[in-house]
Amino acid sequence: MNGQPGSEDRRGLGRFQLRLRSLIQRLKDREEILELYTRDVSSNGAFFFAENPLPIDTSLSMTLFLPVGESVKSKISVEGMVIRSENDGMAVRFAPNYSLVAN
């Protein structure tokens, strides 16, 4: 928040500008897997760049790959729902039961 009238960020959690490779699949049909990249991420959601954003209320399964190092492969596996669509992408809220896997 920068103190300007009307410039308040209504999100309660901080967002981090992170470009993470992600694989996204609709829970309903699980037919197509989309490879998208995040614009920003918080602990309860992310914004994904997409030429054809999915409709609001679409339930998803997602895997976000974290850039930890060459020898360590880490990822977040989470389900969520599209809560906003824009011209350049979509905002997704994560379900609270996600897992972070490092191997």
Foldseek 3Di string as FASTA:
>chain_A
DPPDPPPDDPDPWDKDQDWWWKWKAFPVPRPDIDTWTFRIDTPFWTKTFDQDEDDFFGKMWMKTWDCDDDVKTKIKTFIWTFHDADNGTTITTTDPDIDIDID
